[in-house]
Amino acid sequence: MGYNDVGVVILAAGKGTRMKSDIAKVLHKVGGQCMVVHVIECARKISRDNVHVVIGHQAKKVKREINKFFKVEFAIQEQLLGTGDAVKAAIPGLKSNIKDVVVLCGDVPLIKESTLKNMVEKHKKQQAKLSVLAIDLENPTGYGRIVQDGLNHMVCIKEEADANENEKEIKKVNTGIYCFDRKFLISAVDEIRPDNSQAEYYLTDTVEIAKKRQEKIVVITMDDPGQVIGVNTLEELEKAEYLIKQRGK
């Protein structure tokens, strides 16, 4: 079952203000089950005993719900300072035998085991320090764009709020799912600075850190946008609900 040397960190600390609801975002249900429970179910197929969930907003409620179904490790993000800060909270809990760390989002409930296995396999085979799961979208609005140079080497990920007009034209976007070499992740997370329009610690900045250090970055492009729908609004929740029914889960 899964890999012995891969840990999974699931980001589930956010508020989800755009859901216009008092319920923590990851506790909204898709297909009769909380979003974060779907994500953990998939994560456990990759790494049975090394799943870490980062909680923050309504931490007790989220923890209580998850504990009904799974035994996982929890890390608390004290202040919601962005994805880089959230991952940093989980790092101390990683067991010493973990070589690679997969980062998932608690609000992307339709991700499949096969997609994650493919990412981990390619990451290991190419001995990458950082692998980014990407997708090509006709309408990339709202997603971080994957900026590549003339040789198709990855340069950085530009969040919508920080992207210029040319970058906004890019169709290849970040799904928010990554695989990191553990040692690289630990040192890179310490280097992230909140120099952006949100004043947050973006995990995406690890791409530029890897580039600066001339470390190997791999972009893995998948072709099923349904799997990586992030649920931030009630409209997206309905869409995810529809897709999960189509899947016949």
Protein backbone atom coordinates (compact mmCIF):
# COMPACT_ATOMS: atom_id res chain seq x y z
CA MET A 1 0.00 0.00 0.00
CA GLY A 2 1.64 3.20 -1.18
CA TYR A 3 5.21 4.30 -0.56
CA ASN A 4 7.08 3.91 2.70
CA ASP A 5 9.32 6.91 2.06
CA VAL A 6 6.65 9.42 0.97
CA GLY A 7 4.80 11.71 3.36
CA VAL A 8 1.65 13.64 2.45
CA VAL A 9 0.78 17.10 3.77
CA ILE A 10 -2.83 18.20 3.27
CA LEU A 11 -3.57 21.91 3.60
CA ALA A 12 -6.89 22.28 5.42
CA ALA A 13 -6.49 25.41 7.52
CA GLY A 14 -8.24 28.02 5.36
CA LYS A 15 -11.43 29.90 6.14
CA GLY A 16 -13.09 29.84 2.75
CA THR A 17 -14.78 33.23 3.08
CA ARG A 18 -16.16 33.00 -0.47
CA MET A 19 -18.30 30.00 0.53
CA LYS A 20 -20.52 32.47 2.42
CA SER A 21 -20.98 29.93 5.19
CA ASP A 22 -20.03 29.48 8.84
CA ILE A 23 -18.69 26.00 8.13
CA ALA A 24 -14.93 25.63 7.60
CA LYS A 25 -14.31 25.27 3.87
CA VAL A 26 -12.94 21.72 3.91
CA LEU A 27 -15.98 20.48 5.86
CA HIS A 28 -18.38 21.25 3.01
CA LYS A 29 -19.68 18.00 1.59
CA VAL A 30 -19.25 16.61 -1.89
CA GLY A 31 -20.93 13.29 -2.66
CA GLY A 32 -22.14 13.03 0.93
CA GLN A 33 -18.65 13.30 2.40
CA CYS A 34 -16.55 16.24 3.64
CA MET A 35 -14.06 17.43 1.03
CA VAL A 36 -11.06 16.85 3.26
CA VAL A 37 -12.15 13.25 3.93
CA HIS A 38 -12.07 12.55 0.17
CA VAL A 39 -8.56 14.00 -0.02
CA ILE A 40 -7.31 11.93 2.94
CA GLU A 41 -8.83 8.78 1.44
CA CYS A 42 -6.77 9.36 -1.70
CA ALA A 43 -3.63 10.37 0.24
CA ARG A 44 -3.67 7.15 2.26
CA LYS A 45 -3.34 5.15 -0.95
CA ILE A 46 -0.04 6.94 -1.59
CA SER A 47 1.28 6.97 1.96
CA ARG A 48 -0.58 4.90 4.49
CA ASP A 49 1.00 6.00 7.77
CA ASN A 50 2.44 9.38 6.92
CA VAL A 51 -0.51 11.65 6.25
CA HIS A 52 -0.34 15.05 7.96
CA VAL A 53 -3.30 17.44 7.91
CA VAL A 54 -2.64 21.13 8.59
CA ILE A 55 -5.60 22.67 10.39
CA GLY A 56 -6.25 26.23 11.55
CA HIS A 57 -9.68 27.77 11.05
CA GLN A 58 -12.20 25.82 13.22
CA ALA A 59 -9.37 23.39 13.97
CA LYS A 60 -11.32 21.40 16.61
CA LYS A 61 -14.30 20.80 14.31
CA VAL A 62 -12.11 19.78 11.39
CA LYS A 63 -10.09 17.44 13.60
CA ARG A 64 -13.21 15.88 15.10
CA GLU A 65 -14.70 15.19 11.66
CA ILE A 66 -11.50 13.64 10.30
CA ASN A 67 -11.03 11.48 13.40
CA LYS A 68 -14.38 9.80 12.71
CA PHE A 69 -12.86 8.21 9.62
CA PHE A 70 -9.08 8.21 9.78
CA LYS A 71 -6.13 8.27 12.09
CA VAL A 72 -3.81 10.96 10.76
CA GLU A 73 -1.24 13.36 12.16
CA PHE A 74 -2.34 16.96 12.70
CA ALA A 75 -0.34 20.18 12.57
CA ILE A 76 -1.74 23.54 13.62
CA GLN A 77 -1.23 26.68 11.57
CA GLU A 78 -1.56 29.32 14.28
CA GLN A 79 -2.08 32.27 11.92
CA LEU A 80 -3.33 31.88 8.37
CA LEU A 81 -0.22 33.28 6.68
CA GLY A 82 -0.36 31.32 3.44
CA THR A 83 0.51 27.93 1.98
CA GLY A 84 4.26 28.16 2.65
CA ASP A 85 3.63 28.82 6.33
CA ALA A 86 1.08 25.96 6.45
CA VAL A 87 3.57 23.42 5.07
CA LYS A 88 6.20 24.67 7.50
CA ALA A 89 3.85 23.80 10.37
CA ALA A 90 3.73 20.15 9.21
CA ILE A 91 7.46 19.63 8.64
CA PRO A 92 8.43 18.84 12.27
CA GLY A 93 5.99 15.91 12.27
CA LEU A 94 7.54 14.14 9.28
CA LYS A 95 9.24 10.86 10.19
CA SER A 96 12.96 10.58 9.55
CA ASN A 97 12.59 7.95 6.79
CA ILE A 98 10.53 10.28 4.57
CA LYS A 99 12.42 11.21 1.39
CA ASP A 100 9.67 12.94 -0.60
CA VAL A 101 6.66 15.00 0.45
CA VAL A 102 3.44 15.32 -1.55
CA VAL A 103 1.42 18.48 -0.84
CA LEU A 104 -2.35 18.35 -1.42
CA CYS A 105 -5.20 20.81 -0.90
CA GLY A 106 -8.07 19.92 1.42
CA ASP A 107 -10.48 21.65 -0.97
CA VAL A 108 -9.58 19.63 -4.10
CA PRO A 109 -11.74 16.56 -3.37
CA LEU A 110 -11.74 14.81 -6.77
CA ILE A 111 -8.03 14.06 -7.12
CA LYS A 112 -7.32 10.41 -8.01
CA GLU A 113 -4.73 7.97 -6.72
CA SER A 114 -3.49 7.23 -10.27
CA THR A 115 -2.66 10.92 -10.83
CA LEU A 116 -0.69 11.16 -7.59
CA LYS A 117 1.14 7.86 -8.21
CA ASN A 118 2.12 9.06 -11.67
CA MET A 119 3.46 12.31 -10.20
CA VAL A 120 5.48 10.56 -7.48
CA GLU A 121 6.89 8.01 -9.98
CA LYS A 122 8.05 10.73 -12.37
CA HIS A 123 9.42 12.83 -9.52
CA LYS A 124 11.49 9.92 -8.19
CA LYS A 125 12.61 8.71 -11.61
CA GLN A 126 13.86 12.14 -12.64
CA GLN A 127 15.36 12.78 -9.19
CA ALA A 128 13.61 16.14 -9.07
CA LYS A 129 13.79 18.44 -6.08
CA LEU A 130 10.34 19.80 -6.92
CA SER A 131 7.59 18.49 -9.18
CA VAL A 132 4.53 20.60 -9.95
CA LEU A 133 1.26 19.13 -11.17
CA ALA A 134 -0.08 21.39 -13.93
CA ILE A 135 -3.02 21.49 -16.32
CA ASP A 136 -3.78 23.42 -19.51
CA LEU A 137 -7.01 25.40 -19.22
CA GLU A 138 -8.84 27.38 -21.88
CA ASN A 139 -9.90 29.83 -19.19
CA PRO A 140 -7.03 30.08 -16.69
CA THR A 141 -8.52 32.98 -14.70
CA GLY A 142 -7.96 32.68 -10.98
CA TYR A 143 -5.16 30.12 -11.19
CA GLY A 144 -1.43 30.62 -10.73
CA ARG A 145 0.25 30.61 -14.15
CA ILE A 146 3.22 28.36 -14.91
CA VAL A 147 5.84 30.62 -16.45
CA GLN A 148 8.38 28.78 -18.62
CA ASP A 149 11.40 29.98 -20.60
CA GLY A 150 12.10 29.35 -24.32
CA LEU A 151 13.35 25.85 -23.52
CA ASN A 152 10.17 25.02 -21.57
CA HIS A 153 12.07 25.07 -18.30
CA MET A 154 9.98 26.33 -15.44
CA VAL A 155 10.80 29.85 -14.27
CA CYS A 156 8.15 30.55 -11.63
CA ILE A 157 4.47 30.39 -10.75
CA LYS A 158 2.71 33.74 -10.88
CA GLU A 159 -0.47 34.12 -8.86
CA GLU A 160 -3.28 35.93 -10.67
CA ALA A 161 -2.99 39.00 -8.42
CA ASP A 162 0.74 39.34 -9.19
CA ALA A 163 0.68 38.41 -12.90
CA ASN A 164 1.22 40.95 -15.68
CA GLU A 165 -0.89 41.03 -18.89
CA ASN A 166 1.40 38.62 -20.80
CA GLU A 167 1.51 36.16 -17.93
CA LYS A 168 -2.28 36.21 -17.68
CA GLU A 169 -2.41 34.86 -21.26
CA ILE A 170 -0.62 31.66 -20.17
CA LYS A 171 -2.94 28.63 -20.29
CA LYS A 172 -0.75 26.23 -18.27
CA VAL A 173 -1.71 26.60 -14.62
CA ASN A 174 -0.72 25.30 -11.23
CA THR A 175 -3.08 22.79 -9.60
CA GLY A 176 -1.63 23.45 -6.13
CA ILE A 177 -0.40 19.84 -5.92
CA TYR A 178 3.33 19.19 -5.60
CA CYS A 179 5.97 16.60 -4.78
CA PHE A 180 9.09 17.85 -3.00
CA ASP A 181 12.39 16.33 -2.08
CA ARG A 182 12.13 16.54 1.69
CA LYS A 183 15.54 18.15 2.32
CA PHE A 184 14.94 20.75 -0.37
CA LEU A 185 11.48 21.52 1.03
CA ILE A 186 12.79 22.13 4.55
CA SER A 187 15.47 24.56 3.43
CA ALA A 188 13.30 26.30 0.80
CA VAL A 189 10.38 26.94 3.14
CA ASP A 190 12.75 28.85 5.41
CA GLU A 191 13.69 31.12 2.51
CA ILE A 192 10.14 32.16 1.51
CA ARG A 193 9.34 35.84 2.12
CA PRO A 194 5.88 37.47 2.09
CA ASP A 195 6.75 39.91 -0.72
CA ASN A 196 3.50 39.81 -2.67
CA SER A 197 0.15 41.56 -2.90
CA GLN A 198 -1.35 39.26 -0.23
CA ALA A 199 1.62 39.60 2.18
CA GLU A 200 1.52 35.80 2.56
CA TYR A 201 4.13 33.06 2.45
CA TYR A 202 3.45 31.41 -0.92
CA LEU A 203 4.57 27.81 -1.30
CA THR A 204 4.86 28.59 -5.02
CA ASP A 205 7.95 30.69 -4.27
CA THR A 206 9.85 27.43 -3.79
CA VAL A 207 9.98 27.23 -7.61
CA GLU A 208 12.09 30.37 -7.85
CA ILE A 209 14.24 29.18 -4.94
CA ALA A 210 14.88 25.87 -6.76
CA LYS A 211 15.65 27.76 -9.98
CA LYS A 212 18.11 30.06 -8.20
CA ARG A 213 19.89 27.02 -6.74
CA GLN A 214 19.83 25.30 -10.15
CA GLU A 215 17.90 22.37 -8.71
CA LYS A 216 15.81 20.11 -10.90
CA ILE A 217 12.17 21.16 -11.34
CA VAL A 218 9.70 18.97 -13.23
CA VAL A 219 6.32 20.08 -14.57
CA ILE A 220 3.88 17.19 -14.89
CA THR A 221 0.87 18.14 -17.01
CA MET A 222 -2.31 16.15 -16.49
CA ASP A 223 -5.33 16.20 -18.78
CA ASP A 224 -8.39 15.82 -16.54
CA PRO A 225 -9.42 19.25 -15.19
CA GLY A 226 -12.27 17.70 -13.19
CA GLN A 227 -9.80 16.10 -10.76
CA VAL A 228 -8.22 19.37 -9.75
CA ILE A 229 -11.21 21.62 -9.28
CA GLY A 230 -10.57 23.72 -6.22
CA VAL A 231 -13.77 24.46 -4.32
CA ASN A 232 -13.78 28.08 -3.20
CA THR A 233 -17.37 29.07 -3.98
CA LEU A 234 -20.80 27.50 -3.75
CA GLU A 235 -20.86 27.39 -7.55
CA GLU A 236 -17.66 25.31 -7.58
CA LEU A 237 -19.13 23.09 -4.87
CA GLU A 238 -22.09 22.35 -7.16
CA LYS A 239 -19.73 21.60 -10.02
CA ALA A 240 -17.71 19.16 -7.87
CA GLU A 241 -20.96 17.53 -6.72
CA TYR A 242 -22.02 17.05 -10.34
CA LEU A 243 -18.63 15.57 -11.32
CA ILE A 244 -18.54 13.14 -8.40
CA LYS A 245 -22.00 11.86 -9.41
CA GLN A 246 -20.79 11.42 -12.99
CA ARG A 247 -17.94 9.36 -11.64
CA GLY A 248 -20.45 7.08 -9.96
CA LYS A 249 -18.74 7.14 -6.60
